[in-house]
Amino acid sequence: MTDHPLIDHHIRALAARLPEPVVDELADGLTACYQDRLSRLGDPDAAARAALTDFGDVDGIVTAFVHGSPGRNTALRLLFTGPLVGLIWGTTLILDHAWMWPIPSGARALFGVLLVGSVVALLLAVRERHNYQAVRRAAGTAASGMLIADTAMLVTAAFLLTQPSWPALLAFTASATRAVLVVRALPALYRTSPS
């Protein structure tokens, strides 16, 4: 810490909303800025206010990190591709009369809850502007849910699909591709520092 309460408060506010490695780097920069202003101005309070003005407010800093976070980027990709994948699967399921498949209604309901919950988490990840950790948690939860949903669709359709069709091939390709992309994105969503 810097021995000035305004600077220390700013760093604690950042620490509550950003990963520790990022806060450490920001704290080093803010401390250096404060020390520079102190050497120029000689007054600790004026130096702290000048350093905070130059450095930026907590909301602005956090918003910039959230906007470029892997969680938000993954959530946006999943939200934009979701309707297309859903349309392809819907076409496939209608063509194959999937309502006739021997799937218990509880399993169908569970799948629906998983899908809706994942979409809600994606929306939370995209809408959050001021909490990096909340975006990371929501995107990780949503991506994991989408991975489970895609895997469930692939396995279920592989066993129950009665007639091969080009929409089925597209659906399998879309879900498999999305599953691979989600698996590749998950480490970044659970990493403690942004890349």
N, C-alpha and C. Protein backbone atom coordinates (compact mmCIF):
# COMPACT_ATOMS: atom_id res chain seq x y z
N MET A 1 0.83 -1.19 0.00
CA MET A 1 0.00 0.00 0.00
C MET A 1 0.88 1.26 0.00
N THR A 2 0.26 2.41 -0.19
CA THR A 2 1.02 3.62 -0.49
C THR A 2 1.17 4.60 0.66
N ASP A 3 0.58 4.35 1.76
CA ASP A 3 0.58 5.29 2.89
C ASP A 3 -0.32 6.49 2.64
N HIS A 4 -1.15 6.42 1.63
CA HIS A 4 -2.16 7.48 1.47
C HIS A 4 -3.54 6.82 1.37
N PRO A 5 -4.47 7.23 2.22
CA PRO A 5 -5.77 6.54 2.27
C PRO A 5 -6.57 6.59 0.97
N LEU A 6 -6.48 7.67 0.21
CA LEU A 6 -7.23 7.74 -1.06
C LEU A 6 -6.73 6.70 -2.06
N ILE A 7 -5.42 6.56 -2.17
CA ILE A 7 -4.83 5.59 -3.09
C ILE A 7 -5.14 4.18 -2.61
N ASP A 8 -4.97 3.95 -1.32
CA ASP A 8 -5.24 2.62 -0.76
C ASP A 8 -6.70 2.23 -0.94
N HIS A 9 -7.60 3.18 -0.76
CA HIS A 9 -9.04 2.91 -0.96
C HIS A 9 -9.32 2.54 -2.42
N HIS A 10 -8.69 3.24 -3.33
CA HIS A 10 -8.87 2.98 -4.77
C HIS A 10 -8.40 1.55 -5.11
N ILE A 11 -7.27 1.17 -4.56
CA ILE A 11 -6.72 -0.17 -4.81
C ILE A 11 -7.63 -1.24 -4.21
N ARG A 12 -8.14 -1.01 -3.00
CA ARG A 12 -9.07 -1.97 -2.38
C ARG A 12 -10.36 -2.10 -3.20
N ALA A 13 -10.85 -0.98 -3.73
CA ALA A 13 -12.06 -1.02 -4.55
C ALA A 13 -11.82 -1.83 -5.82
N LEU A 14 -10.65 -1.68 -6.42
CA LEU A 14 -10.31 -2.48 -7.61
C LEU A 14 -10.18 -3.96 -7.24
N ALA A 15 -9.59 -4.23 -6.09
CA ALA A 15 -9.38 -5.62 -5.64
C ALA A 15 -10.69 -6.36 -5.41
N ALA A 16 -11.72 -5.62 -5.08
CA ALA A 16 -13.02 -6.26 -4.86
C ALA A 16 -13.68 -6.69 -6.17
N ARG A 17 -13.20 -6.16 -7.29
CA ARG A 17 -13.90 -6.40 -8.54
C ARG A 17 -13.05 -6.95 -9.68
N LEU A 18 -11.74 -7.08 -9.47
CA LEU A 18 -10.86 -7.59 -10.51
C LEU A 18 -9.97 -8.70 -9.94
N PRO A 19 -9.43 -9.56 -10.81
CA PRO A 19 -8.53 -10.62 -10.34
C PRO A 19 -7.26 -10.04 -9.72
N GLU A 20 -6.72 -10.76 -8.76
CA GLU A 20 -5.56 -10.30 -8.00
C GLU A 20 -4.36 -9.91 -8.86
N PRO A 21 -3.96 -10.71 -9.85
CA PRO A 21 -2.80 -10.30 -10.66
C PRO A 21 -3.01 -8.97 -11.39
N VAL A 22 -4.23 -8.73 -11.82
CA VAL A 22 -4.54 -7.47 -12.50
C VAL A 22 -4.44 -6.32 -11.50
N VAL A 23 -5.01 -6.53 -10.32
CA VAL A 23 -4.98 -5.49 -9.30
C VAL A 23 -3.54 -5.18 -8.89
N ASP A 24 -2.70 -6.21 -8.78
CA ASP A 24 -1.30 -5.98 -8.43
C ASP A 24 -0.62 -5.08 -9.46
N GLU A 25 -0.88 -5.36 -10.72
CA GLU A 25 -0.29 -4.54 -11.78
C GLU A 25 -0.84 -3.11 -11.77
N LEU A 26 -2.15 -2.98 -11.58
CA LEU A 26 -2.75 -1.65 -11.50
C LEU A 26 -2.25 -0.89 -10.28
N ALA A 27 -2.10 -1.60 -9.16
CA ALA A 27 -1.61 -0.96 -7.94
C ALA A 27 -0.19 -0.43 -8.13
N ASP A 28 0.64 -1.20 -8.83
CA ASP A 28 2.01 -0.73 -9.11
C ASP A 28 1.97 0.55 -9.93
N GLY A 29 1.11 0.57 -10.95
CA GLY A 29 1.00 1.76 -11.80
C GLY A 29 0.46 2.96 -11.05
N LEU A 30 -0.56 2.74 -10.23
CA LEU A 30 -1.15 3.84 -9.46
C LEU A 30 -0.16 4.36 -8.42
N THR A 31 0.55 3.45 -7.79
CA THR A 31 1.55 3.86 -6.79
C THR A 31 2.66 4.68 -7.45
N ALA A 32 3.12 4.24 -8.61
CA ALA A 32 4.15 4.99 -9.34
C ALA A 32 3.64 6.36 -9.73
N CYS A 33 2.39 6.42 -10.17
CA CYS A 33 1.79 7.70 -10.56
C CYS A 33 1.70 8.63 -9.33
N TYR A 34 1.28 8.08 -8.21
CA TYR A 34 1.19 8.86 -6.97
C TYR A 34 2.57 9.37 -6.55
N GLN A 35 3.58 8.51 -6.59
CA GLN A 35 4.93 8.91 -6.20
C GLN A 35 5.45 10.02 -7.13
N ASP A 36 5.16 9.91 -8.41
CA ASP A 36 5.57 10.94 -9.36
C ASP A 36 4.90 12.28 -9.04
N ARG A 37 3.60 12.25 -8.79
CA ARG A 37 2.88 13.49 -8.46
C ARG A 37 3.35 14.08 -7.13
N LEU A 38 3.66 13.18 -6.18
CA LEU A 38 4.14 13.64 -4.87
C LEU A 38 5.49 14.36 -5.01
N SER A 39 6.36 13.80 -5.86
CA SER A 39 7.67 14.45 -6.05
C SER A 39 7.52 15.80 -6.76
N ARG A 40 6.51 15.94 -7.60
CA ARG A 40 6.29 17.21 -8.30
C ARG A 40 5.56 18.24 -7.44
N LEU A 41 4.51 17.74 -6.72
CA LEU A 41 3.64 18.66 -5.99
C LEU A 41 4.06 18.86 -4.54
N GLY A 42 4.66 17.85 -3.93
CA GLY A 42 5.08 17.96 -2.54
C GLY A 42 3.97 17.78 -1.52
N ASP A 43 2.72 17.87 -1.94
CA ASP A 43 1.58 17.73 -1.02
C ASP A 43 0.94 16.37 -1.24
N PRO A 44 0.92 15.50 -0.21
CA PRO A 44 0.37 14.15 -0.37
C PRO A 44 -1.09 14.12 -0.83
N ASP A 45 -1.92 15.01 -0.29
CA ASP A 45 -3.34 15.01 -0.69
C ASP A 45 -3.52 15.46 -2.13
N ALA A 46 -2.83 16.51 -2.52
CA ALA A 46 -2.91 16.99 -3.91
C ALA A 46 -2.34 15.94 -4.87
N ALA A 47 -1.25 15.29 -4.44
CA ALA A 47 -0.64 14.26 -5.28
C ALA A 47 -1.59 13.08 -5.46
N ALA A 48 -2.27 12.68 -4.39
CA ALA A 48 -3.22 11.56 -4.47
C ALA A 48 -4.38 11.91 -5.40
N ARG A 49 -4.93 13.11 -5.24
CA ARG A 49 -6.05 13.52 -6.11
C ARG A 49 -5.61 13.59 -7.57
N ALA A 50 -4.42 14.12 -7.82
CA ALA A 50 -3.91 14.22 -9.20
C ALA A 50 -3.67 12.82 -9.78
N ALA A 51 -3.10 11.93 -8.99
CA ALA A 51 -2.84 10.57 -9.47
C ALA A 51 -4.15 9.85 -9.79
N LEU A 52 -5.15 10.01 -8.94
CA LEU A 52 -6.44 9.36 -9.19
C LEU A 52 -7.13 9.94 -10.41
N THR A 53 -7.00 11.23 -10.62
CA THR A 53 -7.58 11.86 -11.81
C THR A 53 -6.92 11.30 -13.08
N ASP A 54 -5.58 11.20 -13.05
CA ASP A 54 -4.86 10.68 -14.20
C ASP A 54 -5.15 9.20 -14.44
N PHE A 55 -5.27 8.47 -13.36
CA PHE A 55 -5.40 7.02 -13.45
C PHE A 55 -6.79 6.59 -13.88
N GLY A 56 -7.81 7.30 -13.43
CA GLY A 56 -9.19 6.96 -13.80
C GLY A 56 -9.96 6.38 -12.63
N ASP A 57 -11.27 6.49 -12.73
CA ASP A 57 -12.12 6.00 -11.64
C ASP A 57 -12.26 4.48 -11.70
N VAL A 58 -12.64 3.90 -10.59
CA VAL A 58 -12.75 2.44 -10.46
C VAL A 58 -13.73 1.88 -11.49
N ASP A 59 -14.90 2.49 -11.62
CA ASP A 59 -15.89 1.98 -12.57
C ASP A 59 -15.36 1.95 -14.00
N GLY A 60 -14.66 3.01 -14.39
CA GLY A 60 -14.12 3.06 -15.75
C GLY A 60 -13.07 2.00 -16.00
N ILE A 61 -12.20 1.80 -15.03
CA ILE A 61 -11.15 0.78 -15.16
C ILE A 61 -11.76 -0.61 -15.23
N VAL A 62 -12.68 -0.89 -14.31
CA VAL A 62 -13.30 -2.22 -14.28
C VAL A 62 -14.11 -2.46 -15.55
N THR A 63 -14.83 -1.46 -16.00
CA THR A 63 -15.63 -1.61 -17.22
C THR A 63 -14.75 -1.96 -18.41
N ALA A 64 -13.58 -1.34 -18.50
CA ALA A 64 -12.67 -1.65 -19.61
C ALA A 64 -12.21 -3.10 -19.55
N PHE A 65 -11.88 -3.57 -18.35
CA PHE A 65 -11.45 -4.97 -18.22
C PHE A 65 -12.60 -5.94 -18.48
N VAL A 66 -13.79 -5.61 -18.00
CA VAL A 66 -14.95 -6.48 -18.22
C VAL A 66 -15.28 -6.55 -19.70
N HIS A 67 -15.24 -5.41 -20.37
CA HIS A 67 -15.59 -5.36 -21.80
C HIS A 67 -14.71 -6.28 -22.64
N GLY A 68 -13.45 -6.37 -22.30
CA GLY A 68 -12.53 -7.21 -23.07
C GLY A 68 -12.27 -8.57 -22.46
N SER A 69 -13.06 -8.95 -21.48
CA SER A 69 -12.79 -10.20 -20.76
C SER A 69 -13.13 -11.43 -21.60
N PRO A 70 -12.42 -12.52 -21.36
CA PRO A 70 -12.74 -13.77 -22.05
C PRO A 70 -14.18 -14.23 -21.77
N GLY A 71 -14.65 -13.98 -20.55
CA GLY A 71 -16.02 -14.38 -20.21
C GLY A 71 -17.06 -13.68 -21.06
N ARG A 72 -16.92 -12.39 -21.20
CA ARG A 72 -17.89 -11.62 -22.00
C ARG A 72 -17.80 -12.02 -23.47
N ASN A 73 -16.58 -12.18 -23.97
CA ASN A 73 -16.41 -12.56 -25.37
C ASN A 73 -17.00 -13.95 -25.66
N THR A 74 -16.77 -14.89 -24.75
CA THR A 74 -17.35 -16.23 -24.92
C THR A 74 -18.86 -16.17 -24.86
N ALA A 75 -19.40 -15.41 -23.90
CA ALA A 75 -20.86 -15.29 -23.77
C ALA A 75 -21.47 -14.69 -25.04
N LEU A 76 -20.83 -13.67 -25.59
CA LEU A 76 -21.35 -13.07 -26.83
C LEU A 76 -21.36 -14.08 -27.98
N ARG A 77 -20.26 -14.84 -28.11
CA ARG A 77 -20.21 -15.84 -29.18
C ARG A 77 -21.31 -16.88 -29.01
N LEU A 78 -21.52 -17.33 -27.79
CA LEU A 78 -22.56 -18.35 -27.56
C LEU A 78 -23.95 -17.78 -27.78
N LEU A 79 -24.16 -16.54 -27.40
CA LEU A 79 -25.48 -15.92 -27.64
C LEU A 79 -25.76 -15.73 -29.13
N PHE A 80 -24.75 -15.36 -29.89
CA PHE A 80 -24.96 -15.14 -31.31
C PHE A 80 -25.10 -16.44 -32.10
N THR A 81 -24.40 -17.49 -31.67
CA THR A 81 -24.49 -18.76 -32.40
C THR A 81 -25.64 -19.63 -31.92
N GLY A 82 -26.11 -19.38 -30.71
CA GLY A 82 -27.17 -20.22 -30.13
C GLY A 82 -28.43 -20.33 -30.98
N PRO A 83 -28.99 -19.22 -31.43
CA PRO A 83 -30.21 -19.33 -32.24
C PRO A 83 -30.00 -20.14 -33.53
N LEU A 84 -28.86 -20.00 -34.16
CA LEU A 84 -28.59 -20.76 -35.38
C LEU A 84 -28.50 -22.26 -35.08
N VAL A 85 -27.75 -22.60 -34.03
CA VAL A 85 -27.65 -24.01 -33.65
C VAL A 85 -29.02 -24.55 -33.25
N GLY A 86 -29.78 -23.76 -32.51
CA GLY A 86 -31.14 -24.17 -32.13
C GLY A 86 -32.05 -24.38 -33.33
N LEU A 87 -31.95 -23.50 -34.32
CA LEU A 87 -32.77 -23.64 -35.53
C LEU A 87 -32.41 -24.92 -36.28
N ILE A 88 -31.13 -25.20 -36.37
CA ILE A 88 -30.69 -26.41 -37.08
C ILE A 88 -31.18 -27.65 -36.34
N TRP A 89 -31.03 -27.66 -35.00
CA TRP A 89 -31.51 -28.81 -34.23
C TRP A 89 -33.03 -28.91 -34.30
N GLY A 90 -33.71 -27.79 -34.25
CA GLY A 90 -35.18 -27.81 -34.34
C GLY A 90 -35.64 -28.43 -35.64
N THR A 91 -35.02 -28.03 -36.73
CA THR A 91 -35.35 -28.62 -38.03
C THR A 91 -35.12 -30.12 -38.04
N THR A 92 -33.98 -30.52 -37.51
CA THR A 92 -33.64 -31.95 -37.46
C THR A 92 -34.65 -32.73 -36.63
N LEU A 93 -35.00 -32.20 -35.47
CA LEU A 93 -35.92 -32.90 -34.57
C LEU A 93 -37.34 -32.97 -35.15
N ILE A 94 -37.76 -31.93 -35.84
CA ILE A 94 -39.08 -31.96 -36.47
C ILE A 94 -39.10 -32.99 -37.60
N LEU A 95 -38.06 -32.97 -38.43
CA LEU A 95 -38.00 -33.92 -39.55
C LEU A 95 -37.97 -35.37 -39.06
N ASP A 96 -37.40 -35.61 -37.90
CA ASP A 96 -37.29 -36.97 -37.38
C ASP A 96 -38.42 -37.32 -36.39
N HIS A 97 -39.37 -36.42 -36.21
CA HIS A 97 -40.49 -36.64 -35.29
C HIS A 97 -39.99 -36.97 -33.88
N ALA A 98 -39.12 -36.12 -33.36
CA ALA A 98 -38.46 -36.36 -32.08
C ALA A 98 -39.45 -36.44 -30.92
N TRP A 99 -40.64 -35.89 -31.07
CA TRP A 99 -41.63 -36.00 -30.00
C TRP A 99 -42.05 -37.44 -29.76
N MET A 100 -41.72 -38.31 -30.71
CA MET A 100 -42.03 -39.73 -30.57
C MET A 100 -40.88 -40.51 -29.91
N TRP A 101 -39.75 -39.88 -29.74
CA TRP A 101 -38.61 -40.57 -29.14
C TRP A 101 -38.93 -40.99 -27.70
N PRO A 102 -38.42 -42.12 -27.27
CA PRO A 102 -38.71 -42.60 -25.91
C PRO A 102 -37.82 -41.92 -24.84
N ILE A 103 -38.09 -40.64 -24.65
CA ILE A 103 -37.34 -39.88 -23.64
C ILE A 103 -38.33 -39.50 -22.54
N PRO A 104 -38.01 -39.82 -21.29
CA PRO A 104 -38.92 -39.47 -20.19
C PRO A 104 -39.15 -37.96 -20.12
N SER A 105 -40.35 -37.59 -19.74
CA SER A 105 -40.69 -36.16 -19.68
C SER A 105 -39.81 -35.43 -18.67
N GLY A 106 -39.37 -36.11 -17.62
CA GLY A 106 -38.46 -35.48 -16.66
C GLY A 106 -37.13 -35.11 -17.29
N ALA A 107 -36.63 -35.97 -18.16
CA ALA A 107 -35.37 -35.69 -18.85
C ALA A 107 -35.54 -34.52 -19.81
N ARG A 108 -36.69 -34.47 -20.48
CA ARG A 108 -36.96 -33.34 -21.38
C ARG A 108 -37.02 -32.03 -20.60
N ALA A 109 -37.71 -32.08 -19.44
CA ALA A 109 -37.83 -30.88 -18.61
C ALA A 109 -36.46 -30.44 -18.08
N LEU A 110 -35.65 -31.41 -17.67
CA LEU A 110 -34.31 -31.09 -17.17
C LEU A 110 -33.46 -30.44 -18.25
N PHE A 111 -33.57 -30.95 -19.47
CA PHE A 111 -32.83 -30.36 -20.59
C PHE A 111 -33.29 -28.91 -20.81
N GLY A 112 -34.60 -28.69 -20.76
CA GLY A 112 -35.13 -27.34 -20.94
C GLY A 112 -34.65 -26.38 -19.86
N VAL A 113 -34.63 -26.84 -18.63
CA VAL A 113 -34.15 -26.01 -17.52
C VAL A 113 -32.66 -25.69 -17.71
N LEU A 114 -31.88 -26.69 -18.11
CA LEU A 114 -30.46 -26.48 -18.36
C LEU A 114 -30.24 -25.44 -19.46
N LEU A 115 -31.01 -25.56 -20.53
CA LEU A 115 -30.87 -24.63 -21.65
C LEU A 115 -31.27 -23.21 -21.25
N VAL A 116 -32.42 -23.08 -20.59
CA VAL A 116 -32.88 -21.75 -20.16
C VAL A 116 -31.91 -21.15 -19.15
N GLY A 117 -31.45 -21.95 -18.19
CA GLY A 117 -30.50 -21.46 -17.21
C GLY A 117 -29.20 -20.99 -17.85
N SER A 118 -28.75 -21.72 -18.85
CA SER A 118 -27.51 -21.33 -19.56
C SER A 118 -27.70 -20.02 -20.30
N VAL A 119 -28.85 -19.83 -20.93
CA VAL A 119 -29.12 -18.58 -21.65
C VAL A 119 -29.20 -17.41 -20.67
N VAL A 120 -29.85 -17.62 -19.53
CA VAL A 120 -29.93 -16.55 -18.52
C VAL A 120 -28.53 -16.18 -18.04
N ALA A 121 -27.69 -17.19 -17.79
CA ALA A 121 -26.31 -16.91 -17.36
C ALA A 121 -25.53 -16.17 -18.45
N LEU A 122 -25.75 -16.52 -19.71
CA LEU A 122 -25.10 -15.80 -20.82
C LEU A 122 -25.52 -14.33 -20.83
N LEU A 123 -26.81 -14.10 -20.66
CA LEU A 123 -27.31 -12.72 -20.65
C LEU A 123 -26.72 -11.93 -19.48
N LEU A 124 -26.62 -12.58 -18.32
CA LEU A 124 -26.01 -11.91 -17.16
C LEU A 124 -24.55 -11.56 -17.45
N ALA A 125 -23.83 -12.48 -18.08
CA ALA A 125 -22.42 -12.24 -18.40
C ALA A 125 -22.26 -11.07 -19.37
N VAL A 126 -23.15 -10.96 -20.32
CA VAL A 126 -23.05 -9.90 -21.32
C VAL A 126 -23.50 -8.55 -20.76
N ARG A 127 -24.50 -8.58 -19.89
CA ARG A 127 -25.05 -7.32 -19.37
C ARG A 127 -24.23 -6.71 -18.23
N GLU A 128 -23.50 -7.53 -17.50
CA GLU A 128 -22.70 -7.03 -16.37
C GLU A 128 -21.58 -6.14 -16.89
N ARG A 129 -21.45 -4.98 -16.31
CA ARG A 129 -20.44 -4.02 -16.77
C ARG A 129 -19.37 -3.72 -15.71
N HIS A 130 -19.65 -3.99 -14.45
CA HIS A 130 -18.79 -3.49 -13.39
C HIS A 130 -18.21 -4.55 -12.47
N ASN A 131 -18.33 -5.82 -12.82
CA ASN A 131 -17.77 -6.86 -11.95
C ASN A 131 -17.19 -7.97 -12.81
N TYR A 132 -15.88 -7.94 -12.94
CA TYR A 132 -15.17 -8.92 -13.76
C TYR A 132 -15.42 -10.34 -13.28
N GLN A 133 -15.37 -10.52 -11.96
CA GLN A 133 -15.55 -11.86 -11.39
C GLN A 133 -16.96 -12.40 -11.67
N ALA A 134 -17.96 -11.53 -11.60
CA ALA A 134 -19.33 -11.97 -11.87
C ALA A 134 -19.49 -12.40 -13.33
N VAL A 135 -18.85 -11.68 -14.23
CA VAL A 135 -18.89 -12.04 -15.65
C VAL A 135 -18.22 -13.39 -15.86
N ARG A 136 -17.08 -13.57 -15.23
CA ARG A 136 -16.33 -14.82 -15.37
C ARG A 136 -17.15 -16.01 -14.85
N ARG A 137 -17.77 -15.84 -13.67
CA ARG A 137 -18.58 -16.93 -13.10
C ARG A 137 -19.80 -17.23 -13.97
N ALA A 138 -20.50 -16.19 -14.42
CA ALA A 138 -21.70 -16.40 -15.24
C ALA A 138 -21.35 -17.05 -16.57
N ALA A 139 -20.29 -16.58 -17.20
CA ALA A 139 -19.89 -17.15 -18.49
C ALA A 139 -19.41 -18.59 -18.32
N GLY A 140 -18.68 -18.87 -17.26
CA GLY A 140 -18.22 -20.24 -17.01
C GLY A 140 -19.38 -21.19 -16.77
N THR A 141 -20.36 -20.73 -15.99
CA THR A 141 -21.55 -21.53 -15.73
C THR A 141 -22.32 -21.78 -17.01
N ALA A 142 -22.52 -20.72 -17.79
CA ALA A 142 -23.27 -20.84 -19.05
C ALA A 142 -22.55 -21.73 -20.05
N ALA A 143 -21.25 -21.54 -20.18
CA ALA A 143 -20.49 -22.36 -21.14
C ALA A 143 -20.53 -23.83 -20.73
N SER A 144 -20.40 -24.10 -19.44
CA SER A 144 -20.49 -25.48 -18.97
C SER A 144 -21.87 -26.06 -19.25
N GLY A 145 -22.90 -25.26 -19.02
CA GLY A 145 -24.27 -25.72 -19.31
C GLY A 145 -24.48 -26.00 -20.79
N MET A 146 -23.94 -25.13 -21.64
CA MET A 146 -24.08 -25.33 -23.08
C MET A 146 -23.31 -26.57 -23.54
N LEU A 147 -22.16 -26.82 -22.91
CA LEU A 147 -21.38 -28.01 -23.24
C LEU A 147 -22.16 -29.27 -22.88
N ILE A 148 -22.80 -29.26 -21.72
CA ILE A 148 -23.63 -30.41 -21.31
C ILE A 148 -24.81 -30.57 -22.27
N ALA A 149 -25.45 -29.46 -22.63
CA ALA A 149 -26.60 -29.52 -23.54
C ALA A 149 -26.18 -30.06 -24.91
N ASP A 150 -25.09 -29.56 -25.44
CA ASP A 150 -24.62 -30.05 -26.75
C ASP A 150 -24.26 -31.53 -26.68
N THR A 151 -23.59 -31.92 -25.62
CA THR A 151 -23.22 -33.33 -25.48
C THR A 151 -24.47 -34.21 -25.37
N ALA A 152 -25.44 -33.75 -24.60
CA ALA A 152 -26.69 -34.51 -24.46
C ALA A 152 -27.41 -34.65 -25.80
N MET A 153 -27.45 -33.56 -26.57
CA MET A 153 -28.10 -33.62 -27.88
C MET A 153 -27.36 -34.57 -28.82
N LEU A 154 -26.05 -34.50 -28.82
CA LEU A 154 -25.26 -35.36 -29.71
C LEU A 154 -25.47 -36.84 -29.37
N VAL A 155 -25.39 -37.16 -28.09
CA VAL A 155 -25.53 -38.56 -27.67
C VAL A 155 -26.95 -39.06 -27.92
N THR A 156 -27.94 -38.26 -27.52
CA THR A 156 -29.33 -38.67 -27.69
C THR A 156 -29.67 -38.86 -29.16
N ALA A 157 -29.31 -37.89 -29.98
CA ALA A 157 -29.63 -37.99 -31.41
C ALA A 157 -28.87 -39.15 -32.07
N ALA A 158 -27.64 -39.39 -31.63
CA ALA A 158 -26.87 -40.49 -32.22
C ALA A 158 -27.57 -41.83 -32.00
N PHE A 159 -28.23 -41.98 -30.86
CA PHE A 159 -28.91 -43.25 -30.57
C PHE A 159 -30.34 -43.30 -31.09
N LEU A 160 -31.02 -42.16 -31.17
CA LEU A 160 -32.45 -42.19 -31.47
C LEU A 160 -32.83 -41.67 -32.86
N LEU A 161 -31.93 -41.01 -33.54
CA LEU A 161 -32.24 -40.47 -34.87
C LEU A 161 -32.56 -41.63 -35.81
N THR A 162 -33.72 -41.55 -36.45
CA THR A 162 -34.15 -42.67 -37.29
C THR A 162 -33.78 -42.50 -38.76
N GLN A 163 -33.66 -41.25 -39.20
CA GLN A 163 -33.33 -41.07 -40.61
C GLN A 163 -32.24 -40.01 -40.77
N PRO A 164 -31.13 -40.38 -41.38
CA PRO A 164 -30.08 -39.39 -41.63
C PRO A 164 -30.58 -38.33 -42.61
N SER A 165 -30.18 -37.11 -42.38
CA SER A 165 -30.57 -36.02 -43.27
C SER A 165 -29.49 -34.95 -43.22
N TRP A 166 -29.53 -34.06 -44.20
CA TRP A 166 -28.53 -32.99 -44.19
C TRP A 166 -28.72 -32.06 -42.99
N PRO A 167 -29.96 -31.77 -42.51
CA PRO A 167 -30.06 -30.96 -41.29
C PRO A 167 -29.44 -31.68 -40.08
N ALA A 168 -29.57 -33.02 -40.03
CA ALA A 168 -28.96 -33.77 -38.93
C ALA A 168 -27.44 -33.65 -38.98
N LEU A 169 -26.89 -33.75 -40.17
CA LEU A 169 -25.45 -33.60 -40.32
C LEU A 169 -25.00 -32.20 -39.89
N LEU A 170 -25.76 -31.20 -40.30
CA LEU A 170 -25.45 -29.82 -39.88
C LEU A 170 -25.57 -29.67 -38.37
N ALA A 171 -26.61 -30.27 -37.78
CA ALA A 171 -26.82 -30.16 -36.34
C ALA A 171 -25.67 -30.81 -35.57
N PHE A 172 -25.27 -32.01 -36.01
CA PHE A 172 -24.15 -32.69 -35.36
C PHE A 172 -22.87 -31.85 -35.48
N THR A 173 -22.64 -31.30 -36.66
CA THR A 173 -21.45 -30.49 -36.89
C THR A 173 -21.48 -29.22 -36.03
N ALA A 174 -22.63 -28.56 -35.98
CA ALA A 174 -22.75 -27.32 -35.21
C ALA A 174 -22.53 -27.58 -33.73
N SER A 175 -23.17 -28.62 -33.18
CA SER A 175 -23.00 -28.90 -31.75
C SER A 175 -21.59 -29.36 -31.42
N ALA A 176 -21.01 -30.19 -32.28
CA ALA A 176 -19.65 -30.67 -32.03
C ALA A 176 -18.66 -29.51 -32.10
N THR A 177 -18.84 -28.62 -33.06
CA THR A 177 -17.96 -27.46 -33.19
C THR A 177 -18.09 -26.55 -31.98
N ARG A 178 -19.33 -26.28 -31.58
CA ARG A 178 -19.54 -25.42 -30.41
C ARG A 178 -18.96 -26.06 -29.15
N ALA A 179 -19.12 -27.37 -29.01
CA ALA A 179 -18.57 -28.07 -27.84
C ALA A 179 -17.05 -27.94 -27.79
N VAL A 180 -16.41 -28.10 -28.94
CA VAL A 180 -14.94 -27.96 -28.99
C VAL A 180 -14.54 -26.53 -28.63
N LEU A 181 -15.25 -25.55 -29.17
CA LEU A 181 -14.92 -24.15 -28.87
C LEU A 181 -15.12 -23.83 -27.40
N VAL A 182 -16.17 -24.39 -26.79
CA VAL A 182 -16.42 -24.17 -25.37
C VAL A 182 -15.32 -24.80 -24.54
N VAL A 183 -14.94 -26.02 -24.88
CA VAL A 183 -13.85 -26.69 -24.14
C VAL A 183 -12.57 -25.86 -24.23
N ARG A 184 -12.32 -25.28 -25.37
CA ARG A 184 -11.12 -24.45 -25.53
C ARG A 184 -11.24 -23.14 -24.76
N ALA A 185 -12.45 -22.63 -24.57
CA ALA A 185 -12.65 -21.35 -23.87
C ALA A 185 -12.66 -21.51 -22.36
N LEU A 186 -13.03 -22.68 -21.86
CA LEU A 186 -13.19 -22.86 -20.42
C LEU A 186 -11.95 -22.50 -19.59
N PRO A 187 -10.74 -22.88 -20.00
CA PRO A 187 -9.59 -22.50 -19.17
C PRO A 187 -9.47 -20.98 -18.98
N ALA A 188 -9.74 -20.21 -20.01
CA ALA A 188 -9.67 -18.75 -19.89
C ALA A 188 -10.74 -18.22 -18.96
N LEU A 189 -11.88 -18.91 -18.89
CA LEU A 189 -12.96 -18.46 -18.02
C LEU A 189 -12.65 -18.73 -16.55
N TYR A 190 -11.83 -19.70 -16.30
CA TYR A 190 -11.51 -20.05 -14.91
C TYR A 190 -10.12 -19.59 -14.49
N ARG A 191 -9.39 -18.96 -15.39
CA ARG A 191 -8.08 -18.40 -15.06
C ARG A 191 -8.29 -17.17 -14.19
N THR A 192 -7.39 -16.91 -13.26
CA THR A 192 -7.57 -15.78 -12.34
C THR A 192 -7.18 -14.44 -12.93
N SER A 193 -6.47 -14.44 -14.03
CA SER A 193 -6.13 -13.15 -14.64
C SER A 193 -6.55 -13.15 -16.09
N PRO A 194 -6.96 -11.99 -16.61
CA PRO A 194 -7.36 -11.91 -18.01
C PRO A 194 -6.15 -12.02 -18.90
N SER A 195 -6.39 -12.49 -20.13
CA SER A 195 -5.29 -12.55 -21.09
C SER A 195 -5.57 -11.65 -22.25
